[in-house]
N, C-alpha and C. Protein backbone atom coordinates (compact mmCIF):
# COMPACT_ATOMS: atom_id res chain seq x y z
N UNK A 1 8.37 -9.77 -45.97
CA UNK A 1 8.18 -8.62 -45.10
C UNK A 1 9.36 -7.66 -45.19
N UNK A 2 10.57 -8.20 -45.37
CA UNK A 2 11.76 -7.36 -45.46
C UNK A 2 11.70 -6.43 -46.67
N UNK A 3 11.17 -6.94 -47.77
CA UNK A 3 11.05 -6.11 -48.97
C UNK A 3 10.06 -4.97 -48.73
N UNK A 4 8.96 -5.30 -48.12
CA UNK A 4 7.94 -4.28 -47.82
C UNK A 4 8.52 -3.18 -46.94
N UNK A 5 9.21 -3.55 -45.90
CA UNK A 5 9.78 -2.57 -44.98
C UNK A 5 10.79 -1.68 -45.70
N UNK A 6 11.70 -2.30 -46.46
CA UNK A 6 12.71 -1.52 -47.19
C UNK A 6 12.05 -0.61 -48.21
N UNK A 7 11.05 -1.11 -48.93
CA UNK A 7 10.38 -0.33 -49.96
C UNK A 7 9.64 0.86 -49.35
N UNK A 8 8.93 0.63 -48.26
CA UNK A 8 8.18 1.72 -47.63
C UNK A 8 9.13 2.79 -47.08
N UNK A 9 10.19 2.37 -46.43
CA UNK A 9 11.17 3.35 -45.91
C UNK A 9 11.77 4.16 -47.05
N UNK A 10 12.19 3.48 -48.11
CA UNK A 10 12.77 4.18 -49.25
C UNK A 10 11.75 5.12 -49.89
N UNK A 11 10.52 4.64 -50.03
CA UNK A 11 9.47 5.48 -50.59
C UNK A 11 9.25 6.73 -49.77
N UNK A 12 9.19 6.58 -48.43
CA UNK A 12 9.01 7.74 -47.56
C UNK A 12 10.17 8.72 -47.69
N UNK A 13 11.40 8.21 -47.74
CA UNK A 13 12.57 9.09 -47.84
C UNK A 13 12.46 9.99 -49.07
N UNK A 14 12.20 9.38 -50.22
CA UNK A 14 12.14 10.17 -51.45
C UNK A 14 10.86 10.99 -51.54
N UNK A 15 9.73 10.41 -51.15
CA UNK A 15 8.46 11.12 -51.23
C UNK A 15 8.48 12.37 -50.36
N UNK A 16 8.93 12.24 -49.13
CA UNK A 16 8.94 13.39 -48.22
C UNK A 16 9.95 14.45 -48.67
N UNK A 17 11.08 14.01 -49.23
CA UNK A 17 12.02 14.98 -49.80
C UNK A 17 11.36 15.71 -50.95
N UNK A 18 10.62 14.98 -51.79
CA UNK A 18 9.91 15.60 -52.90
C UNK A 18 8.82 16.55 -52.43
N UNK A 19 8.07 16.15 -51.40
CA UNK A 19 7.02 17.04 -50.85
C UNK A 19 7.64 18.36 -50.41
N UNK A 20 8.73 18.29 -49.67
CA UNK A 20 9.37 19.51 -49.19
C UNK A 20 9.89 20.35 -50.36
N UNK A 21 10.57 19.69 -51.31
CA UNK A 21 11.17 20.43 -52.42
C UNK A 21 10.13 21.02 -53.37
N UNK A 22 9.02 20.33 -53.56
CA UNK A 22 7.98 20.82 -54.47
C UNK A 22 7.07 21.83 -53.80
N UNK A 23 6.58 21.52 -52.60
CA UNK A 23 5.54 22.35 -51.98
C UNK A 23 6.04 23.39 -50.99
N UNK A 24 7.20 23.18 -50.40
CA UNK A 24 7.74 24.16 -49.46
C UNK A 24 8.74 25.07 -50.16
N UNK A 25 9.75 24.46 -50.78
CA UNK A 25 10.82 25.22 -51.42
C UNK A 25 10.41 25.67 -52.82
N UNK A 26 9.80 24.79 -53.56
CA UNK A 26 9.42 25.06 -54.95
C UNK A 26 10.51 24.58 -55.89
N UNK A 27 10.15 23.94 -56.99
CA UNK A 27 11.14 23.39 -57.91
C UNK A 27 12.14 24.42 -58.44
N UNK A 28 11.67 25.63 -58.76
CA UNK A 28 12.60 26.64 -59.29
C UNK A 28 13.56 27.15 -58.23
N UNK A 29 13.06 27.32 -57.01
CA UNK A 29 13.95 27.74 -55.91
C UNK A 29 14.94 26.61 -55.60
N UNK A 30 14.48 25.38 -55.65
CA UNK A 30 15.38 24.23 -55.48
C UNK A 30 16.48 24.28 -56.53
N UNK A 31 16.09 24.50 -57.77
CA UNK A 31 17.07 24.57 -58.85
C UNK A 31 18.07 25.69 -58.61
N UNK A 32 17.57 26.87 -58.27
CA UNK A 32 18.45 28.01 -58.06
C UNK A 32 19.42 27.78 -56.90
N UNK A 33 18.86 27.35 -55.76
CA UNK A 33 19.64 27.24 -54.54
C UNK A 33 20.61 26.05 -54.54
N UNK A 34 20.16 24.90 -55.06
CA UNK A 34 20.96 23.68 -54.93
C UNK A 34 21.66 23.24 -56.20
N UNK A 35 21.32 23.85 -57.33
CA UNK A 35 21.97 23.47 -58.58
C UNK A 35 22.68 24.65 -59.24
N UNK A 36 21.93 25.71 -59.54
CA UNK A 36 22.51 26.81 -60.32
C UNK A 36 23.60 27.55 -59.54
N UNK A 37 23.30 27.99 -58.33
CA UNK A 37 24.29 28.76 -57.57
C UNK A 37 25.54 27.95 -57.25
N UNK A 38 25.42 26.72 -56.70
CA UNK A 38 26.64 25.98 -56.37
C UNK A 38 27.48 25.56 -57.58
N UNK A 39 26.83 25.34 -58.73
CA UNK A 39 27.53 24.80 -59.90
C UNK A 39 27.75 25.82 -61.00
N UNK A 40 27.45 27.08 -60.75
CA UNK A 40 27.55 28.12 -61.78
C UNK A 40 28.96 28.26 -62.33
N UNK A 41 29.96 28.02 -61.52
CA UNK A 41 31.35 28.19 -61.96
C UNK A 41 31.97 26.91 -62.49
N UNK A 42 31.18 25.86 -62.63
CA UNK A 42 31.71 24.59 -63.16
C UNK A 42 31.51 24.55 -64.67
N UNK A 43 31.91 23.46 -65.27
CA UNK A 43 31.79 23.27 -66.72
C UNK A 43 30.36 22.92 -67.15
N UNK A 44 29.46 22.72 -66.20
CA UNK A 44 28.10 22.30 -66.52
C UNK A 44 27.31 23.48 -67.11
N UNK A 45 26.59 23.26 -68.21
CA UNK A 45 25.82 24.34 -68.81
C UNK A 45 24.70 24.82 -67.88
N UNK A 46 24.52 26.12 -67.86
CA UNK A 46 23.53 26.72 -66.96
C UNK A 46 22.11 26.18 -67.23
N UNK A 47 21.75 25.98 -68.48
CA UNK A 47 20.42 25.47 -68.81
C UNK A 47 20.20 24.09 -68.21
N UNK A 48 21.27 23.26 -68.19
CA UNK A 48 21.13 21.91 -67.64
C UNK A 48 20.96 21.95 -66.13
N UNK A 49 21.57 22.93 -65.49
CA UNK A 49 21.41 23.08 -64.05
C UNK A 49 19.98 23.45 -63.70
N UNK A 50 19.40 24.37 -64.47
CA UNK A 50 18.00 24.75 -64.24
C UNK A 50 17.07 23.59 -64.51
N UNK A 51 17.26 22.91 -65.63
CA UNK A 51 16.37 21.80 -66.00
C UNK A 51 16.45 20.66 -65.00
N UNK A 52 17.65 20.30 -64.64
CA UNK A 52 17.83 19.19 -63.70
C UNK A 52 17.35 19.58 -62.31
N UNK A 53 17.73 20.75 -61.86
CA UNK A 53 17.34 21.21 -60.53
C UNK A 53 15.84 21.33 -60.35
N UNK A 54 15.12 21.69 -61.41
CA UNK A 54 13.67 21.81 -61.31
C UNK A 54 12.96 20.46 -61.46
N UNK A 55 13.58 19.51 -62.15
CA UNK A 55 12.91 18.22 -62.37
C UNK A 55 13.17 17.21 -61.25
N UNK A 56 14.30 17.29 -60.58
CA UNK A 56 14.61 16.34 -59.51
C UNK A 56 13.53 16.31 -58.42
N UNK A 57 13.05 17.45 -57.93
CA UNK A 57 12.01 17.38 -56.90
C UNK A 57 10.73 16.66 -57.35
N UNK A 58 10.35 16.88 -58.60
CA UNK A 58 9.14 16.24 -59.12
C UNK A 58 9.36 14.74 -59.26
N UNK A 59 10.53 14.35 -59.73
CA UNK A 59 10.86 12.92 -59.85
C UNK A 59 10.85 12.27 -58.47
N UNK A 60 11.46 12.92 -57.49
CA UNK A 60 11.47 12.37 -56.13
C UNK A 60 10.06 12.23 -55.57
N UNK A 61 9.22 13.23 -55.80
CA UNK A 61 7.85 13.20 -55.31
C UNK A 61 7.06 12.06 -55.95
N UNK A 62 7.05 12.01 -57.27
CA UNK A 62 6.23 11.02 -57.99
C UNK A 62 6.79 9.61 -57.81
N UNK A 63 8.08 9.44 -58.06
CA UNK A 63 8.67 8.10 -57.94
C UNK A 63 8.66 7.63 -56.50
N UNK A 64 8.88 8.52 -55.54
CA UNK A 64 8.81 8.15 -54.13
C UNK A 64 7.42 7.66 -53.76
N UNK A 65 6.40 8.35 -54.26
CA UNK A 65 5.01 7.92 -54.00
C UNK A 65 4.74 6.56 -54.62
N UNK A 66 5.21 6.33 -55.84
CA UNK A 66 5.01 5.04 -56.51
C UNK A 66 5.69 3.91 -55.74
N UNK A 67 6.91 4.16 -55.28
CA UNK A 67 7.63 3.14 -54.49
C UNK A 67 6.88 2.91 -53.18
N UNK A 68 6.44 3.96 -52.56
CA UNK A 68 5.74 3.86 -51.28
C UNK A 68 4.50 2.97 -51.38
N UNK A 69 3.72 3.14 -52.43
CA UNK A 69 2.49 2.34 -52.57
C UNK A 69 2.72 1.04 -53.34
N UNK A 70 3.91 0.86 -53.90
CA UNK A 70 4.22 -0.39 -54.59
C UNK A 70 3.62 -0.52 -55.98
N UNK A 71 3.47 0.59 -56.67
CA UNK A 71 2.89 0.59 -58.01
C UNK A 71 3.94 1.06 -59.01
N UNK A 72 4.14 0.31 -60.08
CA UNK A 72 5.20 0.59 -61.07
C UNK A 72 6.55 0.76 -60.36
N UNK A 73 6.81 -0.13 -59.45
CA UNK A 73 7.98 -0.02 -58.59
C UNK A 73 9.29 -0.04 -59.37
N UNK A 74 9.42 -0.94 -60.33
CA UNK A 74 10.68 -1.03 -61.08
C UNK A 74 10.99 0.27 -61.82
N UNK A 75 9.99 0.84 -62.49
CA UNK A 75 10.20 2.10 -63.21
C UNK A 75 10.54 3.23 -62.24
N UNK A 76 9.83 3.27 -61.12
CA UNK A 76 10.09 4.31 -60.12
C UNK A 76 11.48 4.16 -59.52
N UNK A 77 11.89 2.93 -59.23
CA UNK A 77 13.23 2.69 -58.70
C UNK A 77 14.30 3.08 -59.71
N UNK A 78 14.04 2.83 -60.98
CA UNK A 78 14.99 3.24 -62.02
C UNK A 78 15.13 4.76 -62.04
N UNK A 79 14.02 5.47 -61.94
CA UNK A 79 14.07 6.94 -61.91
C UNK A 79 14.84 7.43 -60.69
N UNK A 80 14.59 6.83 -59.54
CA UNK A 80 15.29 7.23 -58.32
C UNK A 80 16.77 6.85 -58.37
N UNK A 81 17.07 5.74 -59.00
CA UNK A 81 18.47 5.37 -59.21
C UNK A 81 19.18 6.41 -60.07
N UNK A 82 18.47 6.91 -61.07
CA UNK A 82 19.03 7.99 -61.89
C UNK A 82 19.29 9.24 -61.08
N UNK A 83 18.37 9.57 -60.19
CA UNK A 83 18.57 10.73 -59.30
C UNK A 83 19.80 10.51 -58.43
N UNK A 84 19.94 9.32 -57.87
CA UNK A 84 21.11 9.04 -57.03
C UNK A 84 22.41 9.12 -57.82
N UNK A 85 22.41 8.64 -59.05
CA UNK A 85 23.61 8.76 -59.88
C UNK A 85 23.92 10.22 -60.18
N UNK A 86 22.89 11.00 -60.46
CA UNK A 86 23.06 12.42 -60.74
C UNK A 86 23.61 13.15 -59.51
N UNK A 87 23.03 12.85 -58.35
CA UNK A 87 23.50 13.48 -57.11
C UNK A 87 24.96 13.10 -56.83
N UNK A 88 25.29 11.85 -57.06
CA UNK A 88 26.67 11.41 -56.87
C UNK A 88 27.61 12.19 -57.77
N UNK A 89 27.26 12.28 -59.05
CA UNK A 89 28.07 13.04 -59.99
C UNK A 89 28.23 14.49 -59.53
N UNK A 90 27.12 15.11 -59.17
CA UNK A 90 27.16 16.51 -58.76
C UNK A 90 28.03 16.75 -57.54
N UNK A 91 27.89 15.90 -56.54
CA UNK A 91 28.73 16.06 -55.34
C UNK A 91 30.20 15.90 -55.69
N UNK A 92 30.51 14.97 -56.58
CA UNK A 92 31.91 14.75 -56.95
C UNK A 92 32.48 15.89 -57.78
N UNK A 93 31.64 16.57 -58.54
CA UNK A 93 32.11 17.74 -59.29
C UNK A 93 32.59 18.81 -58.32
N UNK A 94 31.84 19.03 -57.26
CA UNK A 94 32.21 20.06 -56.29
C UNK A 94 33.26 19.60 -55.30
N UNK A 95 33.21 18.33 -54.91
CA UNK A 95 34.12 17.80 -53.89
C UNK A 95 34.47 16.36 -54.22
N UNK A 96 35.63 16.13 -54.87
CA UNK A 96 36.00 14.77 -55.27
C UNK A 96 36.13 13.78 -54.11
N UNK A 97 36.17 14.26 -52.88
CA UNK A 97 36.25 13.39 -51.71
C UNK A 97 34.99 13.45 -50.87
N UNK A 98 33.85 13.73 -51.50
CA UNK A 98 32.58 13.84 -50.80
C UNK A 98 32.28 12.57 -50.01
N UNK A 99 31.77 12.73 -48.79
CA UNK A 99 31.43 11.58 -47.94
C UNK A 99 30.01 11.12 -48.26
N UNK A 100 29.89 9.94 -48.85
CA UNK A 100 28.60 9.43 -49.30
C UNK A 100 27.86 8.62 -48.25
N UNK A 101 28.49 8.33 -47.13
CA UNK A 101 27.89 7.42 -46.15
C UNK A 101 26.64 7.99 -45.47
N UNK A 102 26.43 9.29 -45.51
CA UNK A 102 25.26 9.85 -44.82
C UNK A 102 24.06 10.04 -45.73
N UNK A 103 24.28 10.14 -47.02
CA UNK A 103 23.18 10.49 -47.92
C UNK A 103 22.97 9.45 -49.03
N UNK A 104 23.98 9.23 -49.81
CA UNK A 104 23.83 8.41 -51.01
C UNK A 104 23.83 6.92 -50.69
N UNK A 105 24.73 6.45 -49.89
CA UNK A 105 24.87 5.01 -49.65
C UNK A 105 23.63 4.38 -49.03
N UNK A 106 23.05 4.94 -47.96
CA UNK A 106 21.86 4.29 -47.39
C UNK A 106 20.71 4.18 -48.39
N UNK A 107 20.48 5.23 -49.16
CA UNK A 107 19.41 5.20 -50.15
C UNK A 107 19.71 4.18 -51.25
N UNK A 108 20.96 4.14 -51.67
CA UNK A 108 21.36 3.20 -52.73
C UNK A 108 21.21 1.77 -52.27
N UNK A 109 21.60 1.48 -51.04
CA UNK A 109 21.47 0.12 -50.51
C UNK A 109 20.01 -0.31 -50.46
N UNK A 110 19.14 0.54 -49.94
CA UNK A 110 17.71 0.22 -49.91
C UNK A 110 17.16 0.03 -51.32
N UNK A 111 17.53 0.94 -52.22
CA UNK A 111 17.04 0.86 -53.59
C UNK A 111 17.48 -0.44 -54.26
N UNK A 112 18.76 -0.76 -54.15
CA UNK A 112 19.26 -1.98 -54.78
C UNK A 112 18.64 -3.23 -54.16
N UNK A 113 18.44 -3.22 -52.85
CA UNK A 113 17.81 -4.36 -52.20
C UNK A 113 16.41 -4.60 -52.77
N UNK A 114 15.61 -3.54 -52.82
CA UNK A 114 14.24 -3.68 -53.33
C UNK A 114 14.27 -4.07 -54.81
N UNK A 115 15.19 -3.51 -55.55
CA UNK A 115 15.27 -3.77 -56.98
C UNK A 115 15.66 -5.21 -57.31
N UNK A 116 16.57 -5.79 -56.53
CA UNK A 116 17.03 -7.15 -56.86
C UNK A 116 16.13 -8.24 -56.28
N UNK A 117 15.27 -7.89 -55.35
CA UNK A 117 14.37 -8.90 -54.79
C UNK A 117 13.27 -9.25 -55.80
N UNK A 118 12.81 -10.48 -55.78
CA UNK A 118 11.73 -10.87 -56.71
C UNK A 118 10.47 -10.03 -56.47
N UNK A 119 9.96 -9.45 -57.53
CA UNK A 119 8.80 -8.56 -57.44
C UNK A 119 7.59 -9.28 -56.83
N UNK A 120 7.44 -10.54 -57.13
CA UNK A 120 6.28 -11.30 -56.62
C UNK A 120 6.32 -11.50 -55.11
N UNK A 121 7.49 -11.33 -54.51
CA UNK A 121 7.63 -11.48 -53.05
C UNK A 121 7.31 -10.19 -52.31
N UNK A 122 7.16 -9.09 -53.04
CA UNK A 122 6.87 -7.79 -52.41
C UNK A 122 5.37 -7.66 -52.27
N UNK A 123 4.89 -7.77 -51.05
CA UNK A 123 3.45 -7.72 -50.81
C UNK A 123 3.09 -6.48 -50.02
């Protein structure tokens, strides 16, 4: 039951973030507002900011939905883990002392918990 609860909560967190970013904000506006503008003066290539910023919402939406329903969970968790690593890198580029306890750590803990638990126990 603990795996189910953690998986559903994690799925909702990413799925709802994806819903908002894809259907309310829009992937290109997400890219512009949260990737291109804040990172324009960094060493990161502008094309990578657009590509990453536009793809993250779709990954969160699709992988969050997969985690939520428990289908292809390992692949979806791997994709979301990649998003968390990317977000961590990005925050550190802008602020080397970024506080991760409010955003990255809770999601990472849930993700790792679901990932390390035996798949057959997740019902």
